[in-house]
N, C-alpha and C. Protein backbone atom coordinates (compact mmCIF):
# COMPACT_ATOMS: atom_id res chain seq x y z
N MET A 1 201.56 60.87 82.84
CA MET A 1 200.90 61.88 82.72
C MET A 1 200.95 63.38 83.07
N LYS A 2 200.92 64.39 82.15
CA LYS A 2 201.27 65.66 82.50
C LYS A 2 200.21 66.41 83.71
N THR A 3 200.98 67.18 84.27
CA THR A 3 199.96 67.61 85.30
C THR A 3 199.45 69.04 84.79
N PRO A 4 198.19 69.21 85.04
CA PRO A 4 197.45 70.25 84.28
C PRO A 4 198.31 71.65 85.02
N LEU A 5 198.38 72.75 84.07
CA LEU A 5 199.01 74.35 83.94
C LEU A 5 197.80 74.60 85.25
N THR A 6 198.04 75.21 85.79
CA THR A 6 197.37 75.90 87.08
C THR A 6 197.94 77.70 86.99
N CYS A 7 196.49 78.40 87.35
CA CYS A 7 196.83 79.96 87.70
C CYS A 7 197.93 79.96 88.90
N GLU A 8 197.61 79.30 89.99
CA GLU A 8 198.64 79.30 90.70
C GLU A 8 199.93 78.93 90.95
N ALA A 9 200.04 78.08 90.16
CA ALA A 9 201.40 77.56 89.86
C ALA A 9 202.31 78.47 88.74
N VAL A 10 201.66 79.14 88.01
CA VAL A 10 201.95 80.61 86.88
C VAL A 10 202.36 81.43 88.19
N ALA A 11 201.44 81.67 88.69
CA ALA A 11 201.70 83.08 89.45
C ALA A 11 203.06 82.75 90.44
N ARG A 12 203.00 81.62 90.99
CA ARG A 12 204.18 81.43 92.18
C ARG A 12 205.29 81.38 90.91
N ALA A 13 205.37 80.98 90.21
CA ALA A 13 206.59 80.91 89.15
C ALA A 13 206.96 82.17 88.87
N GLY A 14 206.32 82.98 88.45
CA GLY A 14 206.83 84.18 87.95
C GLY A 14 206.72 85.43 89.04
N LEU A 15 206.01 85.17 90.02
CA LEU A 15 205.83 86.61 90.97
C LEU A 15 206.40 85.84 92.66
N GLY A 16 206.33 84.75 92.75
CA GLY A 16 206.94 84.31 93.90
C GLY A 16 205.53 84.03 94.82
N GLU A 17 205.95 83.77 96.25
CA GLU A 17 204.80 83.87 97.33
C GLU A 17 203.84 84.60 97.25
N SER A 18 202.21 84.23 97.44
CA SER A 18 201.56 84.92 97.40
C SER A 18 201.59 86.12 98.79
N LEU A 19 200.96 87.25 98.51
CA LEU A 19 201.45 88.26 99.73
C LEU A 19 200.14 88.39 100.65
N GLY A 20 199.23 87.37 100.30
CA GLY A 20 198.15 87.53 101.21
C GLY A 20 196.84 86.80 100.54
N HIS A 21 195.81 87.11 100.86
CA HIS A 21 194.45 86.48 100.23
C HIS A 21 193.44 87.31 100.80
N ALA A 22 192.07 87.33 99.83
CA ALA A 22 191.14 88.04 100.00
C ALA A 22 190.07 87.07 99.81
N ALA A 23 189.37 86.48 100.80
CA ALA A 23 188.32 85.56 100.72
C ALA A 23 188.78 84.21 99.95
N ALA A 24 188.44 83.96 98.76
CA ALA A 24 189.05 82.96 98.33
C ALA A 24 190.24 82.81 97.60
N GLU A 25 190.75 83.97 97.24
CA GLU A 25 192.01 84.45 96.45
C GLU A 25 192.98 84.74 96.67
N LEU A 26 194.14 84.62 96.01
CA LEU A 26 195.37 84.54 96.53
C LEU A 26 195.81 86.13 95.83
N LEU A 27 196.60 86.91 96.40
CA LEU A 27 196.98 88.06 95.94
C LEU A 27 198.17 88.09 95.26
N TRP A 28 198.85 89.13 94.48
CA TRP A 28 200.22 89.64 94.09
C TRP A 28 200.02 90.89 94.06
N ARG A 29 201.25 91.44 93.84
CA ARG A 29 201.66 92.61 92.94
C ARG A 29 201.86 92.79 91.53
N CYS A 30 200.93 93.31 90.94
CA CYS A 30 201.12 93.11 89.42
C CYS A 30 202.25 93.56 88.59
N PRO A 31 203.08 92.95 88.31
CA PRO A 31 204.25 93.62 87.58
C PRO A 31 204.16 94.65 86.43
N ASN A 32 202.89 94.67 85.91
CA ASN A 32 202.64 95.36 84.60
C ASN A 32 202.02 96.76 85.30
N HIS A 33 201.98 97.46 86.15
CA HIS A 33 201.34 98.47 86.74
C HIS A 33 202.06 98.80 88.14
N GLN A 34 202.06 100.26 88.45
CA GLN A 34 202.55 100.67 89.85
C GLN A 34 201.29 99.99 90.67
N ASP A 35 202.12 98.83 91.49
CA ASP A 35 201.00 98.48 92.40
C ASP A 35 201.45 98.10 93.93
N GLU A 36 200.85 99.47 94.73
CA GLU A 36 201.14 99.56 95.94
C GLU A 36 200.29 98.40 96.79
N HIS A 37 199.49 98.19 96.49
CA HIS A 37 198.17 97.13 96.93
C HIS A 37 198.30 96.06 96.40
N PRO A 38 198.53 94.69 96.54
CA PRO A 38 198.09 93.72 95.59
C PRO A 38 197.20 93.47 94.84
N SER A 39 196.94 93.74 93.68
CA SER A 39 195.71 93.63 92.78
C SER A 39 195.66 92.45 91.58
N LEU A 40 196.64 91.73 91.80
CA LEU A 40 196.38 90.66 90.97
C LEU A 40 196.28 89.47 91.60
N SER A 41 194.98 88.76 91.15
CA SER A 41 194.47 87.58 92.20
C SER A 41 193.92 86.22 91.61
N VAL A 42 194.45 85.26 92.16
CA VAL A 42 194.48 84.23 91.58
C VAL A 42 193.16 83.86 92.41
N ASN A 43 191.96 82.88 92.03
CA ASN A 43 191.15 81.87 92.29
C ASN A 43 191.42 80.61 92.36
N PRO A 44 192.02 79.80 93.14
CA PRO A 44 192.81 78.46 92.81
C PRO A 44 191.68 77.54 92.92
N LYS A 45 190.45 77.77 93.38
CA LYS A 45 189.32 76.54 93.21
C LYS A 45 188.84 76.77 91.58
N ASN A 46 188.77 77.72 91.26
CA ASN A 46 188.15 77.91 89.78
C ASN A 46 189.18 78.08 88.51
N ASN A 47 190.60 78.08 89.37
CA ASN A 47 191.69 78.14 88.28
C ASN A 47 191.54 79.37 87.37
N VAL A 48 191.44 80.61 87.90
CA VAL A 48 191.21 81.72 86.85
C VAL A 48 192.03 82.93 87.85
N TRP A 49 192.10 83.91 86.91
CA TRP A 49 193.08 85.06 87.50
C TRP A 49 192.45 86.09 87.08
N MET A 50 193.02 87.60 87.63
CA MET A 50 192.26 88.63 87.09
C MET A 50 193.34 89.97 87.48
N CYS A 51 193.58 90.96 86.91
CA CYS A 51 194.17 92.15 87.61
C CYS A 51 192.93 93.35 86.85
N GLY A 52 192.39 93.80 88.05
CA GLY A 52 191.28 94.75 88.18
C GLY A 52 192.10 96.04 86.95
N PRO A 53 193.17 96.54 87.64
CA PRO A 53 193.75 97.87 86.78
C PRO A 53 193.81 97.52 85.73
N CYS A 54 194.49 96.39 85.21
CA CYS A 54 195.15 96.04 83.90
C CYS A 54 194.00 95.76 83.22
N GLY A 55 192.62 95.23 83.71
CA GLY A 55 191.63 95.13 82.98
C GLY A 55 191.97 93.89 82.38
N VAL A 56 192.49 93.23 82.99
CA VAL A 56 192.67 91.54 82.09
C VAL A 56 192.75 90.55 82.95
N SER A 57 192.13 88.81 82.65
CA SER A 57 191.93 87.98 83.35
C SER A 57 192.00 86.92 82.72
N GLY A 58 191.68 85.51 83.06
CA GLY A 58 191.79 84.13 82.56
C GLY A 58 191.79 83.32 82.63
N THR A 59 192.59 82.32 81.88
CA THR A 59 193.29 81.08 82.25
C THR A 59 194.92 81.02 82.86
N ALA A 60 195.43 79.86 82.85
CA ALA A 60 196.70 80.08 83.29
C ALA A 60 197.61 80.05 82.35
N TRP A 61 197.51 79.61 80.83
CA TRP A 61 197.86 80.05 80.30
C TRP A 61 198.00 81.68 79.48
N SER A 62 196.81 82.77 79.43
CA SER A 62 196.72 83.89 79.72
C SER A 62 197.68 84.62 80.58
N LEU A 63 197.53 83.97 81.90
CA LEU A 63 198.35 84.52 82.84
C LEU A 63 199.77 84.37 82.42
N ALA A 64 200.21 83.10 82.04
CA ALA A 64 201.65 83.13 81.82
C ALA A 64 202.29 84.30 80.43
N ALA A 65 201.29 84.75 79.58
CA ALA A 65 201.45 85.39 78.68
C ALA A 65 201.24 86.85 78.76
N PHE A 66 200.71 86.82 79.64
CA PHE A 66 200.61 88.45 80.94
C PHE A 66 202.20 88.56 81.26
N LEU A 67 202.37 87.32 82.06
CA LEU A 67 203.78 87.51 82.55
C LEU A 67 204.70 87.72 82.07
N ALA A 68 204.45 87.12 80.70
CA ALA A 68 205.76 87.34 79.76
C ALA A 68 205.88 88.52 78.72
N GLY A 69 204.56 88.96 78.92
CA GLY A 69 204.58 90.30 78.01
C GLY A 69 204.51 90.02 76.45
N CYS A 70 203.66 88.77 76.39
CA CYS A 70 203.35 88.73 75.06
C CYS A 70 202.24 88.17 74.75
N ASP A 71 201.82 88.00 73.17
CA ASP A 71 200.14 87.45 73.68
C ASP A 71 200.25 86.28 73.32
N PRO A 72 198.67 86.10 73.91
CA PRO A 72 198.69 84.33 74.49
C PRO A 72 198.38 83.56 72.98
N GLY A 73 198.13 84.16 71.96
CA GLY A 73 198.34 83.49 70.75
C GLY A 73 199.84 82.99 70.24
N ASP A 74 201.02 83.63 71.01
CA ASP A 74 202.42 83.32 70.64
C ASP A 74 202.83 82.23 71.51
N LYS A 75 202.38 81.02 70.73
CA LYS A 75 202.31 79.42 71.68
C LYS A 75 204.00 79.52 71.86
N ALA A 76 205.03 79.76 71.04
CA ALA A 76 206.44 79.76 70.94
C ALA A 76 207.00 80.79 72.52
N ALA A 77 206.40 81.63 72.38
CA ALA A 77 206.92 82.39 73.58
C ALA A 77 206.22 82.33 74.90
N VAL A 78 205.32 81.86 74.96
CA VAL A 78 204.47 81.37 75.93
C VAL A 78 205.03 80.14 76.74
N LYS A 79 205.41 79.15 76.00
CA LYS A 79 205.92 77.83 76.08
C LYS A 79 207.30 77.90 76.69
N ALA A 80 207.86 78.91 75.81
CA ALA A 80 209.38 79.34 76.48
C ALA A 80 209.51 79.97 77.78
N TRP A 81 208.54 81.04 78.06
CA TRP A 81 208.27 81.60 79.60
C TRP A 81 208.12 80.55 80.38
N LEU A 82 206.99 79.78 80.04
CA LEU A 82 206.75 78.11 81.14
C LEU A 82 208.01 77.69 81.10
N ARG A 83 208.50 77.26 80.41
CA ARG A 83 210.16 76.08 80.36
C ARG A 83 210.87 76.91 81.36
N ASP A 84 210.98 78.40 80.86
CA ASP A 84 212.23 79.10 81.82
C ASP A 84 211.89 79.01 82.92
N HIS A 85 210.57 79.19 83.86
CA HIS A 85 210.34 79.24 84.95
C HIS A 85 209.83 77.72 85.65
N GLY A 86 210.33 76.66 84.73
CA GLY A 86 209.92 75.47 85.43
C GLY A 86 208.46 74.77 85.40
N LEU A 87 207.83 75.02 84.39
CA LEU A 87 206.39 74.68 84.08
C LEU A 87 206.24 73.92 82.94
N GLY A 88 207.13 74.04 82.16
CA GLY A 88 207.11 73.19 80.74
C GLY A 88 208.02 71.80 80.32
């Protein structure tokens, strides 16, 4: 049986270890904007993520697309990113 994709696994694969936490959320620096203070957050319990300054959030799939720099609807590109990062 295949392990479900999680936001935390995607963030760790694409961004490395978390830089800290705020309440129940793990924090990373967003690679898509100048981010002096980690603003990309993942809530492992609810399996969701968001980057406030970028105005985006969603599922593990959408996080993989965000980190890959592609549209979530581009299944081939997202799957390739996941595979390249050990998650596919």
